[in-house]
């Protein structure tokens, strides 16, 4: 468990480094006459830092909801707009989302998804909740990254049904689709500083000692 937590923090440090080194693509301006592929691509790519999005693949649903590839990935990341929110996910995250959509157990692999434009809201307790209800603990999170896989569950994050979305938390806790939601701000510093204070004491020692591989 301790090794998994250290691995997860290193994983987040690398993701935070990408955010700190460059900025996400500019948010596309609204265009007259509907959404073109160009506008869709710009919106999808705005989910991640330029160092990630510049070589990421792009997928878009067709009129029947089937995903079509607009651009092949050169770095293992795929960007898209899901439920109105742009996101860029690595291959392991894509496998996680595929399992979620099929109601199957997700793969036992760590993955990173960038959502630097935030999301439009989701139930924090029901993986298949599609709209806000009186008891499904709807939550909206700003700029963040998601960590899926066993690493997410080892970070010591709160699994409260109604967490503070400005701090790291575990979404869909106690389900096969539990994953970490890590808010980030300009420079990527917020996620790591918050992890130190939210990690129930042990995490600060891990971060100070490990140096991403020395522990």
Protein backbone atom coordinates (compact mmCIF):
# COMPACT_ATOMS: atom_id res chain seq x y z
CA UNK A 1 0.00 0.00 0.00
CA UNK A 2 2.81 2.41 0.88
CA UNK A 3 4.57 1.73 -2.44
CA UNK A 4 1.29 2.30 -4.30
CA UNK A 5 0.80 5.64 -2.54
CA UNK A 6 4.35 6.74 -3.41
CA UNK A 7 3.82 5.69 -7.02
CA UNK A 8 0.57 7.65 -7.15
CA UNK A 9 2.21 10.81 -5.82
CA UNK A 10 5.00 10.53 -8.40
CA UNK A 11 2.33 10.05 -11.03
CA UNK A 12 0.63 13.26 -9.91
CA UNK A 13 3.93 15.13 -9.73
CA UNK A 14 4.63 14.35 -13.37
CA UNK A 15 1.13 15.43 -14.38
CA UNK A 16 1.47 18.63 -12.35
CA UNK A 17 4.82 19.33 -13.97
CA UNK A 18 3.21 19.26 -17.41
CA UNK A 19 0.58 21.75 -16.24
CA UNK A 20 3.20 24.02 -14.70
CA UNK A 21 5.43 24.10 -17.77
CA UNK A 22 2.84 25.29 -20.24
CA UNK A 23 -0.73 26.49 -20.53
CA UNK A 24 -3.75 24.78 -22.04
CA UNK A 25 -4.78 25.85 -25.49
CA UNK A 26 -6.91 28.98 -25.56
CA UNK A 27 -10.61 28.33 -25.14
CA UNK A 28 -12.24 28.57 -28.57
CA UNK A 29 -14.51 31.49 -29.31
CA UNK A 30 -18.13 30.75 -30.14
CA UNK A 31 -18.78 30.58 -33.88
CA UNK A 32 -21.87 31.38 -35.87
CA UNK A 33 -23.58 28.60 -37.77
CA UNK A 34 -23.10 25.65 -35.45
CA UNK A 35 -20.14 23.67 -34.21
CA UNK A 36 -17.60 22.73 -36.88
CA UNK A 37 -14.94 20.06 -36.53
CA UNK A 38 -12.40 22.87 -36.11
CA UNK A 39 -14.30 24.37 -33.17
CA UNK A 40 -14.82 20.92 -31.64
CA UNK A 41 -11.10 20.11 -31.98
CA UNK A 42 -10.08 23.39 -30.36
CA UNK A 43 -12.44 22.80 -27.45
CA UNK A 44 -11.31 19.20 -26.95
CA UNK A 45 -7.62 20.14 -26.98
CA UNK A 46 -8.19 22.91 -24.42
CA UNK A 47 -8.54 20.23 -21.72
CA UNK A 48 -4.80 19.57 -21.44
CA UNK A 49 -1.47 21.43 -21.39
CA UNK A 50 -0.08 22.14 -24.85
CA UNK A 51 2.73 19.64 -24.28
CA UNK A 52 0.04 16.91 -24.07
CA UNK A 53 -2.59 18.18 -26.48
CA UNK A 54 -0.25 18.93 -29.40
CA UNK A 55 0.22 15.23 -30.18
CA UNK A 56 -3.00 13.86 -28.68
CA UNK A 57 -5.60 12.07 -30.75
CA UNK A 58 -9.09 13.50 -31.15
CA UNK A 59 -12.36 11.61 -31.12
CA UNK A 60 -15.87 12.91 -31.75
CA UNK A 61 -19.26 11.18 -31.61
CA UNK A 62 -21.17 11.01 -34.87
CA UNK A 63 -24.92 11.60 -35.18
CA UNK A 64 -25.58 8.04 -33.93
CA UNK A 65 -23.31 8.43 -30.92
CA UNK A 66 -20.54 6.24 -32.33
CA UNK A 67 -17.06 7.63 -31.72
CA UNK A 68 -15.09 8.58 -34.81
CA UNK A 69 -11.38 9.42 -34.95
CA UNK A 70 -10.60 12.90 -36.25
CA UNK A 71 -6.87 12.62 -35.52
CA UNK A 72 -4.67 9.71 -34.52
CA UNK A 73 -2.77 9.95 -31.24
CA UNK A 74 1.02 10.18 -31.25
CA UNK A 75 1.51 10.23 -27.48
CA UNK A 76 -1.13 7.85 -26.09
CA UNK A 77 -3.60 10.60 -25.12
CA UNK A 78 -7.04 11.09 -26.66
CA UNK A 79 -9.02 14.33 -26.39
CA UNK A 80 -12.77 14.71 -26.77
CA UNK A 81 -15.78 16.62 -25.50
CA UNK A 82 -17.91 14.50 -23.17
CA UNK A 83 -21.22 15.81 -21.81
CA UNK A 84 -20.16 19.29 -22.86
CA UNK A 85 -16.81 19.17 -21.05
CA UNK A 86 -13.42 18.80 -22.79
CA UNK A 87 -11.10 16.07 -21.56
CA UNK A 88 -7.80 14.45 -22.58
CA UNK A 89 -7.24 10.90 -21.32
CA UNK A 90 -4.35 8.46 -21.56
CA UNK A 91 -4.84 4.88 -22.78
CA UNK A 92 -5.42 3.42 -19.31
CA UNK A 93 -8.05 6.06 -18.57
CA UNK A 94 -9.78 5.35 -21.88
CA UNK A 95 -9.92 1.66 -20.92
CA UNK A 96 -11.36 2.69 -17.53
CA UNK A 97 -14.10 4.80 -19.17
CA UNK A 98 -14.86 2.03 -21.66
CA UNK A 99 -15.39 -0.42 -18.77
CA UNK A 100 -17.59 2.14 -17.00
CA UNK A 101 -19.78 2.58 -20.07
CA UNK A 102 -20.14 -1.19 -20.43
CA UNK A 103 -20.82 -1.69 -16.68
CA UNK A 104 -17.70 -3.90 -16.49
CA UNK A 105 -14.89 -4.03 -13.96
CA UNK A 106 -12.20 -1.50 -14.91
CA UNK A 107 -8.60 -2.58 -15.59
CA UNK A 108 -6.18 -2.64 -12.69
CA UNK A 109 -4.00 0.12 -14.16
CA UNK A 110 -3.25 3.72 -13.23
CA UNK A 111 -4.33 6.44 -15.64
CA UNK A 112 -4.39 10.23 -15.92
CA UNK A 113 -7.11 12.41 -17.45
CA UNK A 114 -6.79 16.18 -17.84
CA UNK A 115 -9.87 18.40 -17.47
CA UNK A 116 -8.30 21.82 -17.15
CA UNK A 117 -11.54 23.53 -18.22
CA UNK A 118 -13.46 21.85 -15.42
CA UNK A 119 -16.65 19.83 -15.73
CA UNK A 120 -20.36 20.58 -15.93
CA UNK A 121 -21.23 18.58 -12.82
CA UNK A 122 -21.86 14.94 -11.90
CA UNK A 123 -23.22 12.79 -9.12
CA UNK A 124 -20.47 12.03 -6.62
CA UNK A 125 -22.11 8.77 -5.52
CA UNK A 126 -23.89 7.37 -8.58
CA UNK A 127 -21.59 6.59 -11.55
CA UNK A 128 -24.60 6.63 -13.85
CA UNK A 129 -26.44 9.65 -12.51
CA UNK A 130 -27.21 11.92 -15.46
CA UNK A 131 -28.78 14.89 -13.67
CA UNK A 132 -29.00 16.45 -10.25
CA UNK A 133 -31.49 14.96 -7.79
CA UNK A 134 -32.25 15.58 -4.13
CA UNK A 135 -30.05 12.72 -2.98
CA UNK A 136 -27.35 11.98 -5.56
CA UNK A 137 -24.80 14.45 -4.16
CA UNK A 138 -24.25 16.49 -7.32
CA UNK A 139 -20.85 18.19 -7.48
CA UNK A 140 -19.15 20.51 -9.94
CA UNK A 141 -15.36 20.66 -10.07
CA UNK A 142 -13.24 23.34 -11.70
CA UNK A 143 -9.88 22.79 -13.39
CA UNK A 144 -8.63 19.33 -12.37
CA UNK A 145 -6.94 16.09 -13.28
CA UNK A 146 -8.39 12.65 -12.61
CA UNK A 147 -6.39 9.63 -11.48
CA UNK A 148 -7.96 6.22 -12.10
CA UNK A 149 -6.87 2.77 -10.98
CA UNK A 150 -5.61 1.40 -7.64
CA UNK A 151 -3.31 4.41 -7.15
CA UNK A 152 -6.33 6.69 -6.73
CA UNK A 153 -7.61 4.72 -3.75
CA UNK A 154 -4.25 4.78 -1.95
CA UNK A 155 -3.93 8.55 -1.67
CA UNK A 156 -5.86 8.93 1.59
CA UNK A 157 -8.38 11.33 0.07
CA UNK A 158 -11.76 12.05 1.57
CA UNK A 159 -14.56 9.79 0.37
CA UNK A 160 -17.28 12.07 1.71
CA UNK A 161 -20.37 12.20 -0.53
CA UNK A 162 -20.26 16.00 -0.28
CA UNK A 163 -16.59 17.04 -0.39
CA UNK A 164 -15.10 20.47 -0.98
CA UNK A 165 -14.49 20.45 -4.78
CA UNK A 166 -11.61 22.90 -4.39
CA UNK A 167 -9.64 20.18 -2.60
CA UNK A 168 -8.67 16.64 -3.71
CA UNK A 169 -11.36 14.01 -3.15
CA UNK A 170 -12.37 10.51 -4.18
CA UNK A 171 -15.32 10.40 -6.60
CA UNK A 172 -17.62 7.36 -6.81
CA UNK A 173 -16.07 5.93 -3.65
CA UNK A 174 -17.06 2.38 -2.72
CA UNK A 175 -17.79 1.52 -6.36
CA UNK A 176 -15.54 -0.18 -8.93
CA UNK A 177 -15.17 3.21 -10.61
CA UNK A 178 -13.70 5.19 -7.69
CA UNK A 179 -11.15 7.72 -8.92
CA UNK A 180 -9.25 10.72 -7.56
CA UNK A 181 -10.27 14.26 -8.44
CA UNK A 182 -7.30 16.60 -8.04
CA UNK A 183 -8.03 20.34 -8.48
CA UNK A 184 -5.24 22.28 -10.14
CA UNK A 185 -4.52 25.97 -10.56
CA UNK A 186 -2.05 27.92 -12.67
CA UNK A 187 1.36 26.36 -12.29
CA UNK A 188 -0.08 23.06 -11.09
CA UNK A 189 0.87 23.81 -7.50
CA UNK A 190 -2.54 23.53 -5.87
CA UNK A 191 -2.89 19.78 -6.25
CA UNK A 192 0.43 18.91 -4.64
CA UNK A 193 0.19 21.43 -1.79
CA UNK A 194 -3.33 20.26 -1.01
CA UNK A 195 -2.23 16.64 -1.05
CA UNK A 196 0.26 17.40 1.71
CA UNK A 197 -2.43 18.73 4.01
CA UNK A 198 -5.20 16.31 2.98
CA UNK A 199 -3.15 13.11 3.07
CA UNK A 200 -3.77 12.23 6.75
CA UNK A 201 -0.24 12.87 7.97
CA UNK A 202 1.72 10.18 6.19
CA UNK A 203 1.69 11.72 2.74
CA UNK A 204 3.92 14.66 3.58
CA UNK A 205 6.61 12.29 4.77
CA UNK A 206 6.26 10.26 1.59
CA UNK A 207 6.64 13.32 -0.61
CA UNK A 208 9.66 14.64 1.30
CA UNK A 209 11.44 11.30 1.33
CA UNK A 210 10.65 9.59 -1.93
CA UNK A 211 12.05 12.02 -4.57
CA UNK A 212 10.02 9.95 -7.07
CA UNK A 213 11.91 6.72 -6.88
CA UNK A 214 14.42 7.08 -4.07
CA UNK A 215 12.15 5.54 -1.45
